[in-house]
């Protein structure tokens, strides 16, 4: 009975999420599925495009592997978030103040976070100002390729590019680029295995 109720709720939340995202200015492809409802905060000058087959897992009743939360999409002024076709996100938080791009057929595990910004200035004097001075906060684009798998509870920081077919182990903190087809893990993340595929995606 509980599973049936959860399934019925997923049907409702999928329909609601499609309407909610489109009404909020998101360019959303066909076939979006959303178990639970994500959170969206997008500037009027921000841009959010998602391709076909977007799959979202939100909240404590779906993909129950711990630290349940909805997906969060935060898009700042003049920032662009682009998600390709058939991407799966599970309780993922994406903070986009400049540019974040995620390629087709990429899976991002529960409770992962992707930040293209430092949020605060490194100069303590600017952080101490009232109001705080955000004018020189560092921002750099994040690029995640096609067929990437990012394990649960990982953190992807500003300026990182992850190549096609790469794998990021659970709990990794990624601070630098990951070449296509490699497996990385740890804090900070480092290469654990090179070219785990016979072919690296072109």
Protein backbone atom coordinates (compact mmCIF):
# COMPACT_ATOMS: atom_id res chain seq x y z
CA UNK A 1 0.00 0.00 0.00
CA UNK A 2 2.81 2.39 0.91
CA UNK A 3 4.59 1.66 -2.38
CA UNK A 4 1.35 2.25 -4.31
CA UNK A 5 0.85 5.63 -2.61
CA UNK A 6 4.46 6.55 -3.40
CA UNK A 7 3.92 5.65 -7.06
CA UNK A 8 0.74 7.72 -7.28
CA UNK A 9 2.53 10.66 -5.67
CA UNK A 10 5.35 10.32 -8.21
CA UNK A 11 2.84 10.61 -11.08
CA UNK A 12 1.44 13.80 -9.56
CA UNK A 13 4.84 15.32 -8.78
CA UNK A 14 6.11 14.58 -12.29
CA UNK A 15 3.22 16.54 -13.81
CA UNK A 16 3.53 19.31 -11.25
CA UNK A 17 7.31 19.62 -11.76
CA UNK A 18 6.97 19.88 -15.54
CA UNK A 19 4.48 22.73 -15.14
CA UNK A 20 6.50 24.38 -12.35
CA UNK A 21 9.78 24.37 -14.27
CA UNK A 22 8.29 25.57 -17.54
CA UNK A 23 6.28 28.29 -15.79
CA UNK A 24 9.51 29.42 -14.13
CA UNK A 25 11.23 29.91 -17.49
CA UNK A 26 13.07 26.59 -17.79
CA UNK A 27 13.39 25.24 -21.34
CA UNK A 28 12.50 21.63 -20.58
CA UNK A 29 12.63 18.75 -23.05
CA UNK A 30 10.22 15.85 -23.38
CA UNK A 31 9.77 12.99 -20.95
CA UNK A 32 10.91 14.62 -17.71
CA UNK A 33 10.23 12.42 -14.69
CA UNK A 34 10.36 13.77 -11.15
CA UNK A 35 9.81 11.73 -8.02
CA UNK A 36 9.08 14.51 -5.55
CA UNK A 37 9.43 18.21 -6.33
CA UNK A 38 12.78 20.02 -6.82
CA UNK A 39 13.61 23.51 -5.57
CA UNK A 40 14.35 26.20 -8.14
CA UNK A 41 15.70 29.71 -7.60
CA UNK A 42 16.52 31.43 -10.89
CA UNK A 43 17.30 35.05 -11.63
CA UNK A 44 15.18 36.74 -14.29
CA UNK A 45 18.35 37.04 -16.39
CA UNK A 46 19.40 33.44 -15.73
CA UNK A 47 19.02 30.56 -18.21
CA UNK A 48 18.19 26.92 -17.54
CA UNK A 49 17.86 24.37 -20.35
CA UNK A 50 17.29 20.64 -19.82
CA UNK A 51 17.05 18.04 -22.57
CA UNK A 52 14.77 15.05 -23.03
CA UNK A 53 14.36 12.38 -20.39
CA UNK A 54 15.50 14.35 -17.34
CA UNK A 55 15.11 12.12 -14.27
CA UNK A 56 14.93 13.76 -10.83
CA UNK A 57 14.83 12.07 -7.43
CA UNK A 58 13.74 14.40 -4.65
CA UNK A 59 13.18 13.96 -0.93
CA UNK A 60 13.17 11.21 1.63
CA UNK A 61 10.88 8.73 -0.16
CA UNK A 62 13.01 8.19 -3.27
CA UNK A 63 16.46 6.63 -3.75
CA UNK A 64 16.68 6.06 -0.01
CA UNK A 65 20.44 5.80 0.52
CA UNK A 66 20.81 8.51 3.14
CA UNK A 67 20.85 12.31 3.55
CA UNK A 68 17.63 12.69 1.59
CA UNK A 69 16.87 16.06 0.08
CA UNK A 70 15.23 17.46 -3.06
CA UNK A 71 17.29 18.62 -6.01
CA UNK A 72 18.24 22.30 -5.78
CA UNK A 73 18.82 24.47 -8.85
CA UNK A 74 20.20 27.94 -8.06
CA UNK A 75 20.88 30.08 -11.14
CA UNK A 76 22.25 33.58 -10.61
CA UNK A 77 22.20 36.72 -12.75
CA UNK A 78 23.23 36.09 -16.37
CA UNK A 79 24.23 32.51 -15.46
CA UNK A 80 23.51 29.49 -17.66
CA UNK A 81 22.74 25.94 -16.55
CA UNK A 82 22.56 23.37 -19.36
CA UNK A 83 21.62 19.72 -18.82
CA UNK A 84 21.71 17.26 -21.73
CA UNK A 85 19.43 14.37 -22.66
CA UNK A 86 18.68 11.45 -20.32
CA UNK A 87 20.50 12.84 -17.29
CA UNK A 88 19.71 11.52 -13.81
CA UNK A 89 20.00 13.69 -10.69
CA UNK A 90 19.33 12.47 -7.18
CA UNK A 91 19.11 15.03 -4.40
CA UNK A 92 21.69 17.09 -6.31
CA UNK A 93 22.40 20.75 -5.53
CA UNK A 94 23.66 22.85 -8.45
CA UNK A 95 24.70 26.42 -7.75
CA UNK A 96 25.36 28.22 -11.02
CA UNK A 97 26.59 31.81 -10.89
CA UNK A 98 28.31 31.69 -14.29
CA UNK A 99 28.00 28.45 -16.25
CA UNK A 100 27.40 24.75 -15.54
CA UNK A 101 26.97 22.20 -18.35
CA UNK A 102 26.15 18.49 -17.94
CA UNK A 103 26.35 16.12 -20.91
CA UNK A 104 23.98 13.44 -22.16
CA UNK A 105 23.45 10.17 -20.26
CA UNK A 106 25.26 11.35 -17.14
CA UNK A 107 24.23 10.05 -13.70
CA UNK A 108 24.82 12.12 -10.57
CA UNK A 109 24.37 10.32 -7.26
CA UNK A 110 22.53 11.24 -4.10
CA UNK A 111 23.54 14.40 -2.26
CA UNK A 112 26.17 15.55 -4.78
CA UNK A 113 26.87 19.27 -5.04
CA UNK A 114 28.18 21.24 -8.03
CA UNK A 115 29.43 24.80 -7.49
CA UNK A 116 30.87 27.17 -10.08
CA UNK A 117 31.54 29.83 -7.44
CA UNK A 118 33.45 30.34 -4.19
CA UNK A 119 30.31 32.04 -2.73
CA UNK A 120 32.44 34.45 -0.63
CA UNK A 121 35.56 36.53 -1.22
CA UNK A 122 38.90 35.17 0.01
CA UNK A 123 39.68 38.59 1.53
CA UNK A 124 38.37 38.61 5.11
CA UNK A 125 37.86 42.37 4.95
CA UNK A 126 35.32 42.00 2.17
CA UNK A 127 33.57 39.20 4.04
CA UNK A 128 33.36 41.43 7.12
CA UNK A 129 31.71 44.32 5.27
CA UNK A 130 28.05 45.04 5.95
CA UNK A 131 26.62 44.26 3.50
CA UNK A 132 29.25 41.76 2.41
CA UNK A 133 31.17 42.68 -0.76
CA UNK A 134 30.62 39.96 -3.39
CA UNK A 135 32.00 41.97 -6.32
CA UNK A 136 35.23 39.95 -6.72
CA UNK A 137 34.02 36.48 -5.75
CA UNK A 138 35.73 33.95 -8.00
CA UNK A 139 33.58 32.07 -10.53
CA UNK A 140 34.62 29.58 -13.21
CA UNK A 141 32.54 27.32 -15.49
CA UNK A 142 31.97 23.65 -14.67
CA UNK A 143 31.80 21.16 -17.54
CA UNK A 144 30.69 17.55 -17.05
CA UNK A 145 30.83 15.35 -20.13
CA UNK A 146 28.66 12.57 -21.54
CA UNK A 147 28.20 9.17 -19.87
CA UNK A 148 29.83 10.38 -16.65
CA UNK A 149 28.99 8.70 -13.34
CA UNK A 150 29.41 10.74 -10.14
CA UNK A 151 29.08 8.80 -6.89
CA UNK A 152 26.96 9.84 -3.91
CA UNK A 153 28.01 12.76 -1.68
CA UNK A 154 30.65 14.07 -4.10
CA UNK A 155 31.57 17.74 -4.46
CA UNK A 156 32.46 19.30 -7.83
CA UNK A 157 34.10 22.71 -7.46
CA UNK A 158 34.47 25.70 -9.78
CA UNK A 159 36.55 25.50 -12.94
CA UNK A 160 36.44 21.71 -13.19
CA UNK A 161 36.00 19.79 -16.45
CA UNK A 162 35.13 16.09 -16.26
CA UNK A 163 35.70 14.19 -19.49
CA UNK A 164 33.31 11.80 -21.22
CA UNK A 165 32.91 8.39 -19.60
CA UNK A 166 34.75 9.32 -16.39
CA UNK A 167 33.73 7.94 -12.98
CA UNK A 168 33.95 9.87 -9.71
CA UNK A 169 33.95 7.75 -6.54
CA UNK A 170 31.52 8.39 -3.70
CA UNK A 171 32.47 11.24 -1.38
CA UNK A 172 35.12 12.67 -3.71
CA UNK A 173 36.03 16.35 -3.70
CA UNK A 174 36.95 17.30 -7.26
CA UNK A 175 39.16 20.38 -7.53
CA UNK A 176 40.82 19.81 -10.93
CA UNK A 177 40.05 18.41 -14.36
CA UNK A 178 39.39 14.70 -14.86
CA UNK A 179 40.35 13.26 -18.27
CA UNK A 180 37.87 11.18 -20.26
CA UNK A 181 37.50 7.57 -19.25
CA UNK A 182 39.37 7.76 -15.92
CA UNK A 183 38.25 6.79 -12.42
CA UNK A 184 38.94 9.33 -9.67
CA UNK A 185 38.23 9.36 -5.95
CA UNK A 186 39.29 10.80 -2.61
CA UNK A 187 39.68 14.25 -1.03
CA UNK A 188 41.11 15.93 -2.95
CA UNK A 189 40.23 13.59 -5.80
CA UNK A 190 43.07 11.85 -7.62
CA UNK A 191 43.32 9.32 -10.43
CA UNK A 192 42.67 5.73 -9.31
CA UNK A 193 42.54 4.11 -12.73
CA UNK A 194 43.19 5.36 -16.25
CA UNK A 195 41.14 4.48 -19.30
CA UNK A 196 38.72 2.01 -17.75
CA UNK A 197 36.97 1.69 -21.12
CA UNK A 198 38.47 0.02 -24.17
CA UNK A 199 37.22 3.04 -26.03
CA UNK A 200 37.07 6.56 -24.67
CA UNK A 201 34.08 8.49 -25.89
CA UNK A 202 34.96 10.89 -28.69
